[in-house]
Amino acid sequence: MRPRRIPQRTCVACRQVEGKRQLVRIVRTPEGAVQLDPTGKRNGRGAYLHASRSCWDAALQRKALQHALRVEITDQDRAALLAYRESLPPDDPPGADSNAHTPTPNDESKVTEA
């Protein structure tokens, strides 16, 4: 049997390719509204983002989402997207593994107390 093909999509903020199910789809509806598409099947032009605050911030600040959807995002749509962004868990520093490094007293990266 042939292995099942997994659809790949690119995050419009960080440009990393992931499986479609690992990304959040945002869609421009035929009426011109910008909305989240949790099912990934809503009719309209779509763009994908990671479920991380850093990707959402980059996409909204750099207007990557507007460019990908080919639409000017209204204040009302932006407020809905920002509300979803706030529901996401805080990001870990890039490339950080939660158990990869524990600081020691001799660490140069240790923050000095004021």
C-alpha atoms as a PDB file:
ATOM      1  CA  MET A   1       0.000   0.000   0.000  1.00  0.00           C
ATOM      2  CA  ARG A   2       1.142   3.534  -0.776  1.00  0.00           C
ATOM      3  CA  PRO A   3       1.639   5.874   2.194  1.00  0.00           C
ATOM      4  CA  ARG A   4      -1.006   8.554   2.486  1.00  0.00           C
ATOM      5  CA  ARG A   5       0.080  11.977   1.209  1.00  0.00           C
ATOM      6  CA  ILE A   6      -0.057  14.753   3.822  1.00  0.00           C
ATOM      7  CA  PRO A   7      -0.961  18.190   2.368  1.00  0.00           C
ATOM      8  CA  GLN A   8       1.750  20.768   3.057  1.00  0.00           C
ATOM      9  CA  ARG A   9       1.182  24.493   3.605  1.00  0.00           C
ATOM     10  CA  THR A  10       3.494  27.445   4.291  1.00  0.00           C
ATOM     11  CA  CYS A  11       3.098  29.826   7.231  1.00  0.00           C
ATOM     12  CA  VAL A  12       2.809  33.343   5.752  1.00  0.00           C
ATOM     13  CA  ALA A  13       4.768  34.823   8.677  1.00  0.00           C
ATOM     14  CA  CYS A  14       7.833  32.575   9.141  1.00  0.00           C
ATOM     15  CA  ARG A  15       7.674  30.794   5.740  1.00  0.00           C
ATOM     16  CA  GLN A  16       8.123  27.323   7.293  1.00  0.00           C
ATOM     17  CA  VAL A  17       6.351  24.434   5.586  1.00  0.00           C
ATOM     18  CA  GLU A  18       4.202  22.218   7.817  1.00  0.00           C
ATOM     19  CA  GLY A  19       1.370  19.771   7.469  1.00  0.00           C
ATOM     20  CA  LYS A  20      -1.940  21.493   6.808  1.00  0.00           C
ATOM     21  CA  ARG A  21      -3.396  20.319  10.147  1.00  0.00           C
ATOM     22  CA  GLN A  22      -0.536  21.900  12.154  1.00  0.00           C
ATOM     23  CA  LEU A  23      -1.423  25.389  10.913  1.00  0.00           C
ATOM     24  CA  VAL A  24      -4.386  27.711  11.458  1.00  0.00           C
ATOM     25  CA  ARG A  25      -6.261  28.772   8.319  1.00  0.00           C
ATOM     26  CA  ILE A  26      -7.511  32.321   7.899  1.00  0.00           C
ATOM     27  CA  VAL A  27      -9.906  32.879   5.025  1.00  0.00           C
ATOM     28  CA  ARG A  28     -11.108  35.860   3.006  1.00  0.00           C
ATOM     29  CA  THR A  29     -14.769  35.114   2.415  1.00  0.00           C
ATOM     30  CA  PRO A  30     -16.450  35.937  -0.913  1.00  0.00           C
ATOM     31  CA  GLU A  31     -18.023  38.931   0.888  1.00  0.00           C
ATOM     32  CA  GLY A  32     -14.523  40.267   1.701  1.00  0.00           C
ATOM     33  CA  ALA A  33     -14.497  39.514   5.456  1.00  0.00           C
ATOM     34  CA  VAL A  34     -11.408  37.941   7.062  1.00  0.00           C
ATOM     35  CA  GLN A  35     -12.210  35.103   9.456  1.00  0.00           C
ATOM     36  CA  LEU A  36     -10.675  32.071  11.138  1.00  0.00           C
ATOM     37  CA  ASP A  37     -11.432  28.781   9.435  1.00  0.00           C
ATOM     38  CA  PRO A  38     -11.085  26.004  12.027  1.00  0.00           C
ATOM     39  CA  THR A  39     -12.367  23.322   9.620  1.00  0.00           C
ATOM     40  CA  GLY A  40     -10.060  24.323   6.766  1.00  0.00           C
ATOM     41  CA  LYS A  41     -12.946  23.908   4.329  1.00  0.00           C
ATOM     42  CA  ARG A  42     -14.616  27.320   4.251  1.00  0.00           C
ATOM     43  CA  ASN A  43     -15.081  28.852   0.817  1.00  0.00           C
ATOM     44  CA  GLY A  44     -12.668  31.667  -0.033  1.00  0.00           C
ATOM     45  CA  ARG A  45      -8.999  32.540  -0.364  1.00  0.00           C
ATOM     46  CA  GLY A  46      -6.963  31.120   2.505  1.00  0.00           C
ATOM     47  CA  ALA A  47      -3.677  31.791   4.278  1.00  0.00           C
ATOM     48  CA  TYR A  48      -1.995  29.740   6.986  1.00  0.00           C
ATOM     49  CA  LEU A  49      -0.237  30.659  10.239  1.00  0.00           C
ATOM     50  CA  HIS A  50       1.362  28.681  13.042  1.00  0.00           C
ATOM     51  CA  ALA A  51      -0.552  28.705  16.319  1.00  0.00           C
ATOM     52  CA  SER A  52       2.144  30.871  17.921  1.00  0.00           C
ATOM     53  CA  ARG A  53       1.962  34.478  19.007  1.00  0.00           C
ATOM     54  CA  SER A  54       5.196  35.378  17.244  1.00  0.00           C
ATOM     55  CA  CYS A  55       3.845  34.256  13.857  1.00  0.00           C
ATOM     56  CA  TRP A  56       0.554  36.103  14.418  1.00  0.00           C
ATOM     57  CA  ASP A  57       2.413  39.272  15.457  1.00  0.00           C
ATOM     58  CA  ALA A  58       4.706  39.112  12.431  1.00  0.00           C
ATOM     59  CA  ALA A  59       1.845  38.449  10.015  1.00  0.00           C
ATOM     60  CA  LEU A  60      -0.212  41.372  11.305  1.00  0.00           C
ATOM     61  CA  GLN A  61       2.655  43.851  11.707  1.00  0.00           C
ATOM     62  CA  ARG A  62       4.322  43.145   8.352  1.00  0.00           C
ATOM     63  CA  LYS A  63       0.956  42.926   6.588  1.00  0.00           C
ATOM     64  CA  ALA A  64       1.867  39.452   5.326  1.00  0.00           C
ATOM     65  CA  LEU A  65      -1.683  38.301   5.999  1.00  0.00           C
ATOM     66  CA  GLN A  66      -3.163  41.181   3.993  1.00  0.00           C
ATOM     67  CA  HIS A  67      -0.793  40.431   1.136  1.00  0.00           C
ATOM     68  CA  ALA A  68      -1.561  36.687   1.132  1.00  0.00           C
ATOM     69  CA  LEU A  69      -5.317  37.234   1.276  1.00  0.00           C
ATOM     70  CA  ARG A  70      -5.208  40.172  -1.170  1.00  0.00           C
ATOM     71  CA  VAL A  71      -7.469  42.293   1.014  1.00  0.00           C
ATOM     72  CA  GLU A  72      -7.261  45.245   3.392  1.00  0.00           C
ATOM     73  CA  ILE A  73      -8.090  43.924   6.877  1.00  0.00           C
ATOM     74  CA  THR A  74     -10.782  46.010   8.569  1.00  0.00           C
ATOM     75  CA  ASP A  75     -10.515  47.135  12.199  1.00  0.00           C
ATOM     76  CA  GLN A  76     -13.315  44.741  13.157  1.00  0.00           C
ATOM     77  CA  ASP A  77     -11.590  41.753  11.491  1.00  0.00           C
ATOM     78  CA  ARG A  78      -8.234  42.773  13.021  1.00  0.00           C
ATOM     79  CA  ALA A  79      -9.845  42.872  16.484  1.00  0.00           C
ATOM     80  CA  ALA A  80     -11.196  39.323  15.993  1.00  0.00           C
ATOM     81  CA  LEU A  81      -7.773  38.074  14.854  1.00  0.00           C
ATOM     82  CA  LEU A  82      -6.049  39.771  17.798  1.00  0.00           C
ATOM     83  CA  ALA A  83      -8.581  38.206  20.190  1.00  0.00           C
ATOM     84  CA  TYR A  84      -7.668  34.767  18.815  1.00  0.00           C
ATOM     85  CA  ARG A  85      -3.967  35.631  19.103  1.00  0.00           C
ATOM     86  CA  GLU A  86      -4.466  36.415  22.795  1.00  0.00           C
ATOM     87  CA  SER A  87      -5.944  32.939  23.324  1.00  0.00           C
ATOM     88  CA  LEU A  88      -2.713  31.297  22.112  1.00  0.00           C
ATOM     89  CA  PRO A  89      -0.132  30.116  24.678  1.00  0.00           C
ATOM     90  CA  PRO A  90       2.953  32.342  25.116  1.00  0.00           C
ATOM     91  CA  ASP A  91       5.878  31.467  22.831  1.00  0.00           C
ATOM     92  CA  ASP A  92       9.086  29.873  24.005  1.00  0.00           C
ATOM     93  CA  PRO A  93      12.268  31.569  22.777  1.00  0.00           C
ATOM     94  CA  PRO A  94      13.125  30.411  19.225  1.00  0.00           C
ATOM     95  CA  GLY A  95      14.957  27.102  19.165  1.00  0.00           C
ATOM     96  CA  ALA A  96      14.525  26.630  22.886  1.00  0.00           C
ATOM     97  CA  ASP A  97      13.832  23.197  24.251  1.00  0.00           C
ATOM     98  CA  SER A  98      12.223  23.461  27.676  1.00  0.00           C
ATOM     99  CA  ASN A  99      14.629  20.881  29.189  1.00  0.00           C
ATOM    100  CA  ALA A 100      17.649  21.454  26.981  1.00  0.00           C
ATOM    101  CA  HIS A 101      19.502  23.910  29.207  1.00  0.00           C
ATOM    102  CA  THR A 102      19.196  24.814  32.818  1.00  0.00           C
ATOM    103  CA  PRO A 103      21.271  27.827  33.862  1.00  0.00           C
ATOM    104  CA  THR A 104      24.091  27.279  36.320  1.00  0.00           C
ATOM    105  CA  PRO A 105      25.518  29.875  38.718  1.00  0.00           C
ATOM    106  CA  ASN A 106      28.552  30.357  36.432  1.00  0.00           C
ATOM    107  CA  ASP A 107      26.414  30.969  33.345  1.00  0.00           C
ATOM    108  CA  GLU A 108      27.284  34.203  31.546  1.00  0.00           C
ATOM    109  CA  SER A 109      23.652  34.514  30.463  1.00  0.00           C
ATOM    110  CA  LYS A 110      22.574  34.808  34.097  1.00  0.00           C
ATOM    111  CA  VAL A 111      20.621  37.975  34.800  1.00  0.00           C
ATOM    112  CA  THR A 112      22.204  40.120  37.491  1.00  0.00           C
ATOM    113  CA  GLU A 113      20.016  41.446  40.244  1.00  0.00           C
ATOM    114  CA  ALA A 114      19.628  45.206  40.524  1.00  0.00           C
END
